């Protein structure tokens, strides 16, 4: 899987990778669940591969704020993703794009 490079003041490059801004634990959880299901894996299978409990996967997928960053990173790795920081794109009015979206 490729790595998206951040380009200040512009959108991430169009390299065929999906880019979805996620500003809430609920959206992150939904994306994790969708990725897991798309891979045809159960929570238990991902948990075993990531070295965490099935309950930890459930906590992440349900968007609980108590989820641990270490768990998130382990699960992302097993699903073929990585955590990346990219600058928000500014709209012409100066407000961050997607402001107010969870």
PDB file of N, CA and C in Angstrom:
ATOM      1  N   UNK A   1       0.838  -1.163   0.000  1.00  0.00           N
ATOM      2  CA  UNK A   1       0.000   0.000   0.000  1.00  0.00           C
ATOM      3  C   UNK A   1       0.884   1.227   0.000  1.00  0.00           C
ATOM      4  N   UNK A   2       0.562   2.224  -0.801  1.00  0.00           N
ATOM      5  CA  UNK A   2       1.366   3.433  -0.907  1.00  0.00           C
ATOM      6  C   UNK A   2       1.186   4.338   0.296  1.00  0.00           C
ATOM      7  N   UNK A   3       2.063   5.310   0.395  1.00  0.00           N
ATOM      8  CA  UNK A   3       2.009   6.281   1.480  1.00  0.00           C
ATOM      9  C   UNK A   3       1.629   7.616   0.878  1.00  0.00           C
ATOM     10  N   UNK A   4       0.618   8.251   1.455  1.00  0.00           N
ATOM     11  CA  UNK A   4       0.222   9.567   0.974  1.00  0.00           C
ATOM     12  C   UNK A   4       1.187  10.609   1.513  1.00  0.00           C
ATOM     13  N   UNK A   5       1.662  11.469   0.659  1.00  0.00           N
ATOM     14  CA  UNK A   5       2.533  12.560   1.066  1.00  0.00           C
ATOM     15  C   UNK A   5       1.686  13.803   1.273  1.00  0.00           C
ATOM     16  N   UNK A   6       1.999  14.552   2.317  1.00  0.00           N
ATOM     17  CA  UNK A   6       1.284  15.788   2.603  1.00  0.00           C
ATOM     18  C   UNK A   6       1.831  16.907   1.731  1.00  0.00           C
ATOM     19  N   UNK A   7       0.951  17.663   1.147  1.00  0.00           N
ATOM     20  CA  UNK A   7       1.313  18.827   0.357  1.00  0.00           C
ATOM     21  C   UNK A   7       0.610  20.024   0.971  1.00  0.00           C
ATOM     22  N   UNK A   8       1.328  20.874   1.711  1.00  0.00           N
ATOM     23  CA  UNK A   8       0.683  22.003   2.373  1.00  0.00           C
ATOM     24  C   UNK A   8      -0.152  22.824   1.405  1.00  0.00           C
ATOM     25  N   UNK A   9      -1.391  23.106   1.830  1.00  0.00           N
ATOM     26  CA  UNK A   9      -2.283  23.936   1.033  1.00  0.00           C
ATOM     27  C   UNK A   9      -2.919  23.242  -0.147  1.00  0.00           C
ATOM     28  N   UNK A  10      -2.756  21.942  -0.275  1.00  0.00           N
ATOM     29  CA  UNK A  10      -3.368  21.232  -1.393  1.00  0.00           C
ATOM     30  C   UNK A  10      -3.930  19.908  -0.912  1.00  0.00           C
ATOM     31  N   UNK A  11      -4.667  19.272  -1.789  1.00  0.00           N
ATOM     32  CA  UNK A  11      -5.222  17.956  -1.470  1.00  0.00           C
ATOM     33  C   UNK A  11      -4.115  16.913  -1.554  1.00  0.00           C
ATOM     34  N   UNK A  12      -4.307  15.772  -0.863  1.00  0.00           N
ATOM     35  CA  UNK A  12      -3.354  14.677  -1.027  1.00  0.00           C
ATOM     36  C   UNK A  12      -3.317  14.246  -2.487  1.00  0.00           C
ATOM     37  N   UNK A  13      -2.208  13.701  -2.956  1.00  0.00           N
ATOM     38  CA  UNK A  13      -2.096  13.322  -4.364  1.00  0.00           C
ATOM     39  C   UNK A  13      -3.126  12.276  -4.753  1.00  0.00           C
ATOM     40  N   UNK A  14      -3.537  12.316  -6.006  1.00  0.00           N
ATOM     41  CA  UNK A  14      -4.484  11.331  -6.527  1.00  0.00           C
ATOM     42  C   UNK A  14      -3.689  10.114  -6.977  1.00  0.00           C
ATOM     43  N   UNK A  15      -3.363   9.250  -6.004  1.00  0.00           N
ATOM     44  CA  UNK A  15      -2.567   8.070  -6.314  1.00  0.00           C
ATOM     45  C   UNK A  15      -3.382   6.790  -6.203  1.00  0.00           C
ATOM     46  N   UNK A  16      -4.713   6.930  -6.280  1.00  0.00           N
ATOM     47  CA  UNK A  16      -5.572   5.763  -6.227  1.00  0.00           C
ATOM     48  C   UNK A  16      -5.954   5.346  -4.820  1.00  0.00           C
ATOM     49  N   UNK A  17      -5.401   6.015  -3.816  1.00  0.00           N
ATOM     50  CA  UNK A  17      -5.746   5.699  -2.432  1.00  0.00           C
ATOM     51  C   UNK A  17      -6.936   6.540  -1.998  1.00  0.00           C
ATOM     52  N   UNK A  18      -7.812   5.939  -1.247  1.00  0.00           N
ATOM     53  CA  UNK A  18      -8.953   6.682  -0.724  1.00  0.00           C
ATOM     54  C   UNK A  18      -8.469   7.604   0.383  1.00  0.00           C
ATOM     55  N   UNK A  19      -8.928   8.835   0.374  1.00  0.00           N
ATOM     56  CA  UNK A  19      -8.592   9.783   1.435  1.00  0.00           C
ATOM     57  C   UNK A  19      -9.889  10.214   2.072  1.00  0.00           C
ATOM     58  N   UNK A  20     -10.037   9.943   3.342  1.00  0.00           N
ATOM     59  CA  UNK A  20     -11.235  10.323   4.060  1.00  0.00           C
ATOM     60  C   UNK A  20     -10.801  11.001   5.342  1.00  0.00           C
ATOM     61  N   UNK A  21     -11.185  12.267   5.495  1.00  0.00           N
ATOM     62  CA  UNK A  21     -10.884  12.960   6.740  1.00  0.00           C
ATOM     63  C   UNK A  21     -11.771  12.410   7.848  1.00  0.00           C
ATOM     64  N   UNK A  22     -11.169  12.080   8.965  1.00  0.00           N
ATOM     65  CA  UNK A  22     -11.929  11.512  10.076  1.00  0.00           C
ATOM     66  C   UNK A  22     -11.660  12.325  11.328  1.00  0.00           C
ATOM     67  N   UNK A  23     -12.694  13.002  11.786  1.00  0.00           N
ATOM     68  CA  UNK A  23     -12.525  13.880  12.926  1.00  0.00           C
ATOM     69  C   UNK A  23     -13.217  13.373  14.172  1.00  0.00           C
ATOM     70  N   UNK A  24     -13.742  12.168  14.140  1.00  0.00           N
ATOM     71  CA  UNK A  24     -14.407  11.655  15.334  1.00  0.00           C
ATOM     72  C   UNK A  24     -14.114  10.174  15.508  1.00  0.00           C
ATOM     73  N   UNK A  25     -14.108   9.706  16.746  1.00  0.00           N
ATOM     74  CA  UNK A  25     -13.910   8.270  16.993  1.00  0.00           C
ATOM     75  C   UNK A  25     -14.958   7.407  16.295  1.00  0.00           C
ATOM     76  N   UNK A  26     -16.189   7.901  16.175  1.00  0.00           N
ATOM     77  CA  UNK A  26     -17.253   7.126  15.515  1.00  0.00           C
ATOM     78  C   UNK A  26     -16.916   6.877  14.044  1.00  0.00           C
ATOM     79  N   UNK A  27     -16.422   7.907  13.339  1.00  0.00           N
ATOM     80  CA  UNK A  27     -16.072   7.734  11.919  1.00  0.00           C
ATOM     81  C   UNK A  27     -14.889   6.803  11.755  1.00  0.00           C
ATOM     82  N   UNK A  28     -13.922   6.919  12.651  1.00  0.00           N
ATOM     83  CA  UNK A  28     -12.769   6.017  12.604  1.00  0.00           C
ATOM     84  C   UNK A  28     -13.246   4.582  12.822  1.00  0.00           C
ATOM     85  N   UNK A  29     -14.119   4.391  13.804  1.00  0.00           N
ATOM     86  CA  UNK A  29     -14.650   3.065  14.096  1.00  0.00           C
ATOM     87  C   UNK A  29     -15.398   2.459  12.930  1.00  0.00           C
ATOM     88  N   UNK A  30     -16.239   3.265  12.280  1.00  0.00           N
ATOM     89  CA  UNK A  30     -16.976   2.769  11.110  1.00  0.00           C
ATOM     90  C   UNK A  30     -16.024   2.375   9.992  1.00  0.00           C
ATOM     91  N   UNK A  31     -14.981   3.178   9.780  1.00  0.00           N
ATOM     92  CA  UNK A  31     -14.012   2.885   8.722  1.00  0.00           C
ATOM     93  C   UNK A  31     -13.254   1.598   9.033  1.00  0.00           C
ATOM     94  N   UNK A  32     -12.882   1.402  10.303  1.00  0.00           N
ATOM     95  CA  UNK A  32     -12.202   0.168  10.691  1.00  0.00           C
ATOM     96  C   UNK A  32     -13.096  -1.044  10.468  1.00  0.00           C
ATOM     97  N   UNK A  33     -14.353  -0.942  10.889  1.00  0.00           N
ATOM     98  CA  UNK A  33     -15.289  -2.054  10.703  1.00  0.00           C
ATOM     99  C   UNK A  33     -15.462  -2.355   9.217  1.00  0.00           C
ATOM    100  N   UNK A  34     -15.615  -1.303   8.394  1.00  0.00           N
ATOM    101  CA  UNK A  34     -15.775  -1.510   6.951  1.00  0.00           C
ATOM    102  C   UNK A  34     -14.549  -2.183   6.345  1.00  0.00           C
ATOM    103  N   UNK A  35     -13.353  -1.760   6.765  1.00  0.00           N
ATOM    104  CA  UNK A  35     -12.111  -2.351   6.245  1.00  0.00           C
ATOM    105  C   UNK A  35     -11.995  -3.807   6.669  1.00  0.00           C
ATOM    106  N   UNK A  36     -12.338  -4.087   7.909  1.00  0.00           N
ATOM    107  CA  UNK A  36     -12.269  -5.471   8.407  1.00  0.00           C
ATOM    108  C   UNK A  36     -13.228  -6.364   7.625  1.00  0.00           C
ATOM    109  N   UNK A  37     -14.451  -5.888   7.461  1.00  0.00           N
ATOM    110  CA  UNK A  37     -15.447  -6.681   6.735  1.00  0.00           C
ATOM    111  C   UNK A  37     -15.059  -6.865   5.272  1.00  0.00           C
ATOM    112  N   UNK A  38     -14.510  -5.815   4.656  1.00  0.00           N
ATOM    113  CA  UNK A  38     -14.085  -5.911   3.260  1.00  0.00           C
ATOM    114  C   UNK A  38     -12.979  -6.951   3.096  1.00  0.00           C
ATOM    115  N   UNK A  39     -12.163  -7.110   4.137  1.00  0.00           N
ATOM    116  CA  UNK A  39     -11.096  -8.117   4.115  1.00  0.00           C
ATOM    117  C   UNK A  39     -11.619  -9.507   4.448  1.00  0.00           C
ATOM    118  N   UNK A  40     -12.909  -9.598   4.813  1.00  0.00           N
ATOM    119  CA  UNK A  40     -13.502 -10.888   5.139  1.00  0.00           C
ATOM    120  C   UNK A  40     -13.037 -11.449   6.468  1.00  0.00           C
ATOM    121  N   UNK A  41     -12.703 -10.569   7.396  1.00  0.00           N
ATOM    122  CA  UNK A  41     -12.181 -10.999   8.696  1.00  0.00           C
ATOM    123  C   UNK A  41     -13.182 -10.748   9.812  1.00  0.00           C
ATOM    124  N   UNK A  42     -13.119 -11.584  10.824  1.00  0.00           N
ATOM    125  CA  UNK A  42     -13.935 -11.376  12.017  1.00  0.00           C
ATOM    126  C   UNK A  42     -13.146 -10.509  12.996  1.00  0.00           C
ATOM    127  N   UNK A  43     -13.851  -9.973  13.994  1.00  0.00           N
ATOM    128  CA  UNK A  43     -13.169  -9.226  15.043  1.00  0.00           C
ATOM    129  C   UNK A  43     -12.130 -10.109  15.729  1.00  0.00           C
ATOM    130  N   UNK A  44     -12.488 -11.355  15.975  1.00  0.00           N
ATOM    131  CA  UNK A  44     -11.567 -12.278  16.646  1.00  0.00           C
ATOM    132  C   UNK A  44     -10.308 -12.523  15.829  1.00  0.00           C
ATOM    133  N   UNK A  45     -10.440 -12.643  14.515  1.00  0.00           N
ATOM    134  CA  UNK A  45      -9.275 -12.868  13.656  1.00  0.00           C
ATOM    135  C   UNK A  45      -8.333 -11.664  13.669  1.00  0.00           C
ATOM    136  N   UNK A  46      -8.900 -10.466  13.570  1.00  0.00           N
ATOM    137  CA  UNK A  46      -8.070  -9.256  13.602  1.00  0.00           C
ATOM    138  C   UNK A  46      -7.426  -9.106  14.968  1.00  0.00           C
ATOM    139  N   UNK A  47      -8.181  -9.379  16.014  1.00  0.00           N
ATOM    140  CA  UNK A  47      -7.649  -9.268  17.371  1.00  0.00           C
ATOM    141  C   UNK A  47      -6.461 -10.198  17.564  1.00  0.00           C
ATOM    142  N   UNK A  48      -6.585 -11.449  17.126  1.00  0.00           N
ATOM    143  CA  UNK A  48      -5.495 -12.406  17.285  1.00  0.00           C
ATOM    144  C   UNK A  48      -4.251 -11.950  16.518  1.00  0.00           C
ATOM    145  N   UNK A  49      -4.432 -11.471  15.307  1.00  0.00           N
ATOM    146  CA  UNK A  49      -3.300 -11.028  14.493  1.00  0.00           C
ATOM    147  C   UNK A  49      -2.634  -9.786  15.077  1.00  0.00           C
ATOM    148  N   UNK A  50      -3.441  -8.901  15.687  1.00  0.00           N
ATOM    149  CA  UNK A  50      -2.923  -7.647  16.253  1.00  0.00           C
ATOM    150  C   UNK A  50      -2.426  -7.813  17.680  1.00  0.00           C
ATOM    151  N   UNK A  51      -2.701  -8.965  18.283  1.00  0.00           N
ATOM    152  CA  UNK A  51      -2.257  -9.201  19.652  1.00  0.00           C
ATOM    153  C   UNK A  51      -3.065  -8.445  20.693  1.00  0.00           C
ATOM    154  N   UNK A  52      -4.354  -8.263  20.392  1.00  0.00           N
ATOM    155  CA  UNK A  52      -5.254  -7.576  21.326  1.00  0.00           C
ATOM    156  C   UNK A  52      -6.499  -8.439  21.527  1.00  0.00           C
ATOM    157  N   UNK A  53      -7.359  -8.031  22.427  1.00  0.00           N
ATOM    158  CA  UNK A  53      -8.584  -8.795  22.673  1.00  0.00           C
ATOM    159  C   UNK A  53      -9.660  -8.444  21.642  1.00  0.00           C
ATOM    160  N   UNK A  54     -10.614  -9.347  21.483  1.00  0.00           N
ATOM    161  CA  UNK A  54     -11.753  -9.059  20.602  1.00  0.00           C
ATOM    162  C   UNK A  54     -12.513  -7.856  21.128  1.00  0.00           C
ATOM    163  N   UNK A  55     -12.567  -7.721  22.458  1.00  0.00           N
ATOM    164  CA  UNK A  55     -13.253  -6.586  23.073  1.00  0.00           C
ATOM    165  C   UNK A  55     -12.585  -5.263  22.682  1.00  0.00           C
ATOM    166  N   UNK A  56     -11.255  -5.273  22.547  1.00  0.00           N
ATOM    167  CA  UNK A  56     -10.542  -4.054  22.127  1.00  0.00           C
ATOM    168  C   UNK A  56     -10.938  -3.652  20.713  1.00  0.00           C
ATOM    169  N   UNK A  57     -11.142  -4.637  19.845  1.00  0.00           N
ATOM    170  CA  UNK A  57     -11.590  -4.359  18.477  1.00  0.00           C
ATOM    171  C   UNK A  57     -12.987  -3.745  18.525  1.00  0.00           C
ATOM    172  N   UNK A  58     -13.849  -4.302  19.353  1.00  0.00           N
ATOM    173  CA  UNK A  58     -15.198  -3.780  19.488  1.00  0.00           C
ATOM    174  C   UNK A  58     -15.190  -2.334  19.990  1.00  0.00           C
ATOM    175  N   UNK A  59     -14.331  -2.055  20.959  1.00  0.00           N
ATOM    176  CA  UNK A  59     -14.221  -0.689  21.494  1.00  0.00           C
ATOM    177  C   UNK A  59     -13.836   0.279  20.373  1.00  0.00           C
ATOM    178  N   UNK A  60     -12.851  -0.103  19.563  1.00  0.00           N
ATOM    179  CA  UNK A  60     -12.442   0.744  18.441  1.00  0.00           C
ATOM    180  C   UNK A  60     -13.575   0.927  17.438  1.00  0.00           C
ATOM    181  N   UNK A  61     -14.183  -0.172  17.023  1.00  0.00           N
ATOM    182  CA  UNK A  61     -15.218  -0.110  15.990  1.00  0.00           C
ATOM    183  C   UNK A  61     -16.453   0.657  16.436  1.00  0.00           C
ATOM    184  N   UNK A  62     -16.704   0.688  17.737  1.00  0.00           N
ATOM    185  CA  UNK A  62     -17.863   1.421  18.245  1.00  0.00           C
ATOM    186  C   UNK A  62     -17.544   2.875  18.578  1.00  0.00           C
ATOM    187  N   UNK A  63     -16.307   3.273  18.326  1.00  0.00           N
ATOM    188  CA  UNK A  63     -15.936   4.671  18.477  1.00  0.00           C
ATOM    189  C   UNK A  63     -15.836   5.164  19.903  1.00  0.00           C
ATOM    190  N   UNK A  64     -15.530   4.272  20.833  1.00  0.00           N
ATOM    191  CA  UNK A  64     -15.381   4.707  22.218  1.00  0.00           C
ATOM    192  C   UNK A  64     -14.108   5.522  22.367  1.00  0.00           C
ATOM    193  N   UNK A  65     -14.201   6.597  23.075  1.00  0.00           N
ATOM    194  CA  UNK A  65     -13.057   7.487  23.267  1.00  0.00           C
ATOM    195  C   UNK A  65     -11.970   6.859  24.132  1.00  0.00           C
ATOM    196  N   UNK A  66     -12.267   5.761  24.805  1.00  0.00           N
ATOM    197  CA  UNK A  66     -11.277   5.122  25.673  1.00  0.00           C
ATOM    198  C   UNK A  66     -10.331   4.200  24.909  1.00  0.00           C
ATOM    199  N   UNK A  67     -10.494   4.100  23.603  1.00  0.00           N
ATOM    200  CA  UNK A  67      -9.633   3.230  22.808  1.00  0.00           C
ATOM    201  C   UNK A  67      -8.184   3.711  22.900  1.00  0.00           C
ATOM    202  N   UNK A  68      -7.261   2.751  22.932  1.00  0.00           N
ATOM    203  CA  UNK A  68      -5.837   3.073  23.056  1.00  0.00           C
ATOM    204  C   UNK A  68      -5.206   3.270  21.684  1.00  0.00           C
ATOM    205  N   UNK A  69      -4.320   4.236  21.589  1.00  0.00           N
ATOM    206  CA  UNK A  69      -3.625   4.511  20.344  1.00  0.00           C
ATOM    207  C   UNK A  69      -2.791   3.314  19.893  1.00  0.00           C
ATOM    208  N   UNK A  70      -2.187   2.616  20.841  1.00  0.00           N
ATOM    209  CA  UNK A  70      -1.387   1.434  20.503  1.00  0.00           C
ATOM    210  C   UNK A  70      -2.255   0.361  19.851  1.00  0.00           C
ATOM    211  N   UNK A  71      -3.475   0.207  20.357  1.00  0.00           N
ATOM    212  CA  UNK A  71      -4.404  -0.765  19.779  1.00  0.00           C
ATOM    213  C   UNK A  71      -4.793  -0.343  18.374  1.00  0.00           C
ATOM    214  N   UNK A  72      -5.115   0.928  18.199  1.00  0.00           N
ATOM    215  CA  UNK A  72      -5.477   1.434  16.881  1.00  0.00           C
ATOM    216  C   UNK A  72      -4.360   1.173  15.881  1.00  0.00           C
ATOM    217  N   UNK A  73      -3.126   1.481  16.259  1.00  0.00           N
ATOM    218  CA  UNK A  73      -2.000   1.271  15.346  1.00  0.00           C
ATOM    219  C   UNK A  73      -1.831  -0.198  14.988  1.00  0.00           C
ATOM    220  N   UNK A  74      -1.963  -1.094  15.955  1.00  0.00           N
ATOM    221  CA  UNK A  74      -1.825  -2.529  15.697  1.00  0.00           C
ATOM    222  C   UNK A  74      -2.911  -3.023  14.751  1.00  0.00           C
ATOM    223  N   UNK A  75      -4.134  -2.571  14.953  1.00  0.00           N
ATOM    224  CA  UNK A  75      -5.254  -2.987  14.101  1.00  0.00           C
ATOM    225  C   UNK A  75      -5.087  -2.417  12.698  1.00  0.00           C
ATOM    226  N   UNK A  76      -4.726  -1.149  12.591  1.00  0.00           N
ATOM    227  CA  UNK A  76      -4.499  -0.555  11.275  1.00  0.00           C
ATOM    228  C   UNK A  76      -3.441  -1.337  10.500  1.00  0.00           C
ATOM    229  N   UNK A  77      -2.356  -1.693  11.174  1.00  0.00           N
ATOM    230  CA  UNK A  77      -1.286  -2.462  10.529  1.00  0.00           C
ATOM    231  C   UNK A  77      -1.826  -3.780   9.986  1.00  0.00           C
ATOM    232  N   UNK A  78      -2.591  -4.497  10.796  1.00  0.00           N
ATOM    233  CA  UNK A  78      -3.115  -5.800  10.371  1.00  0.00           C
ATOM    234  C   UNK A  78      -4.098  -5.676   9.218  1.00  0.00           C
ATOM    235  N   UNK A  79      -4.761  -4.531   9.101  1.00  0.00           N
ATOM    236  CA  UNK A  79      -5.718  -4.318   8.014  1.00  0.00           C
ATOM    237  C   UNK A  79      -5.060  -3.677   6.790  1.00  0.00           C
ATOM    238  N   UNK A  80      -3.748  -3.410   6.877  1.00  0.00           N
ATOM    239  CA  UNK A  80      -3.032  -2.854   5.731  1.00  0.00           C
ATOM    240  C   UNK A  80      -3.084  -1.347   5.629  1.00  0.00           C
ATOM    241  N   UNK A  81      -3.295  -0.664   6.744  1.00  0.00           N
ATOM    242  CA  UNK A  81      -3.371   0.799   6.763  1.00  0.00           C
ATOM    243  C   UNK A  81      -2.336   1.346   7.729  1.00  0.00           C
ATOM    244  N   UNK A  82      -2.166   2.651   7.693  1.00  0.00           N
ATOM    245  CA  UNK A  82      -1.308   3.314   8.666  1.00  0.00           C
ATOM    246  C   UNK A  82      -1.903   4.665   9.017  1.00  0.00           C
ATOM    247  N   UNK A  83      -1.558   5.133  10.183  1.00  0.00           N
ATOM    248  CA  UNK A  83      -1.995   6.431  10.650  1.00  0.00           C
ATOM    249  C   UNK A  83      -1.094   7.484  10.027  1.00  0.00           C
ATOM    250  N   UNK A  84      -1.675   8.522   9.454  1.00  0.00           N
ATOM    251  CA  UNK A  84      -0.887   9.588   8.830  1.00  0.00           C
ATOM    252  C   UNK A  84      -1.507  10.934   9.178  1.00  0.00           C
ATOM    253  N   UNK A  85      -0.677  11.927   9.270  1.00  0.00           N
ATOM    254  CA  UNK A  85      -1.136  13.282   9.518  1.00  0.00           C
ATOM    255  C   UNK A  85      -0.977  14.077   8.235  1.00  0.00           C
ATOM    256  N   UNK A  86      -2.061  14.704   7.807  1.00  0.00           N
ATOM    257  CA  UNK A  86      -2.015  15.561   6.625  1.00  0.00           C
ATOM    258  C   UNK A  86      -2.658  16.888   6.987  1.00  0.00           C
ATOM    259  N   UNK A  87      -2.164  17.969   6.418  1.00  0.00           N
ATOM    260  CA  UNK A  87      -2.764  19.267   6.734  1.00  0.00           C
ATOM    261  C   UNK A  87      -4.173  19.356   6.165  1.00  0.00           C
ATOM    262  N   UNK A  88      -5.039  20.034   6.915  1.00  0.00           N
ATOM    263  CA  UNK A  88      -6.388  20.274   6.399  1.00  0.00           C
ATOM    264  C   UNK A  88      -6.310  21.233   5.237  1.00  0.00           C
ATOM    265  N   UNK A  89      -7.168  21.034   4.264  1.00  0.00           N
ATOM    266  CA  UNK A  89      -7.240  21.912   3.111  1.00  0.00           C
ATOM    267  C   UNK A  89      -8.164  23.065   3.465  1.00  0.00           C
ATOM    268  N   UNK A  90      -7.724  24.266   3.172  1.00  0.00           N
ATOM    269  CA  UNK A  90      -8.535  25.445   3.448  1.00  0.00           C
ATOM    270  C   UNK A  90      -9.460  25.716   2.268  1.00  0.00           C
ATOM    271  N   UNK A  91     -10.729  26.004   2.581  1.00  0.00           N
ATOM    272  CA  UNK A  91     -11.687  26.360   1.524  1.00  0.00           C
ATOM    273  C   UNK A  91     -11.432  27.807   1.127  1.00  0.00           C
ATOM    274  N   UNK A  92     -11.997  28.262   0.018  1.00  0.00           N
ATOM    275  CA  UNK A  92     -11.784  29.647  -0.400  1.00  0.00           C
ATOM    276  C   UNK A  92     -12.196  30.668   0.665  1.00  0.00           C
ATOM    277  N   UNK A  93     -13.200  30.340   1.474  1.00  0.00           N
ATOM    278  CA  UNK A  93     -13.657  31.264   2.511  1.00  0.00           C
ATOM    279  C   UNK A  93     -12.732  31.260   3.713  1.00  0.00           C
ATOM    280  N   UNK A  94     -11.754  30.357   3.739  1.00  0.00           N
ATOM    281  CA  UNK A  94     -10.809  30.305   4.833  1.00  0.00           C
ATOM    282  C   UNK A  94     -11.167  29.325   5.928  1.00  0.00           C
ATOM    283  N   UNK A  95     -12.357  28.719   5.859  1.00  0.00           N
ATOM    284  CA  UNK A  95     -12.758  27.747   6.847  1.00  0.00           C
ATOM    285  C   UNK A  95     -12.222  26.381   6.431  1.00  0.00           C
ATOM    286  N   UNK A  96     -11.779  25.568   7.384  1.00  0.00           N
ATOM    287  CA  UNK A  96     -11.305  24.232   7.009  1.00  0.00           C
ATOM    288  C   UNK A  96     -12.382  23.446   6.299  1.00  0.00           C
ATOM    289  N   UNK A  97     -11.996  22.753   5.232  1.00  0.00           N
ATOM    290  CA  UNK A  97     -12.941  21.906   4.506  1.00  0.00           C
ATOM    291  C   UNK A  97     -13.488  20.844   5.418  1.00  0.00           C
ATOM    292  N   UNK A  98     -14.779  20.623   5.354  1.00  0.00           N
ATOM    293  CA  UNK A  98     -15.395  19.588   6.180  1.00  0.00           C
ATOM    294  C   UNK A  98     -15.628  20.047   7.605  1.00  0.00           C
ATOM    295  N   UNK A  99     -15.460  21.336   7.882  1.00  0.00           N
ATOM    296  CA  UNK A  99     -15.679  21.819   9.240  1.00  0.00           C
ATOM    297  C   UNK A  99     -17.088  21.487   9.672  1.00  0.00           C
ATOM    298  N   UNK A 100     -17.201  20.970  10.856  1.00  0.00           N
ATOM    299  CA  UNK A 100     -18.506  20.601  11.375  1.00  0.00           C
ATOM    300  C   UNK A 100     -18.891  19.163  11.068  1.00  0.00           C
ATOM    301  N   UNK A 101     -18.154  18.524  10.175  1.00  0.00           N
ATOM    302  CA  UNK A 101     -18.445  17.132   9.863  1.00  0.00           C
ATOM    303  C   UNK A 101     -17.765  16.238  10.873  1.00  0.00           C
ATOM    304  N   UNK A 102     -18.511  15.269  11.355  1.00  0.00           N
ATOM    305  CA  UNK A 102     -17.932  14.339  12.338  1.00  0.00           C
ATOM    306  C   UNK A 102     -17.222  13.230  11.646  1.00  0.00           C
TER     307      UNK A 102
END
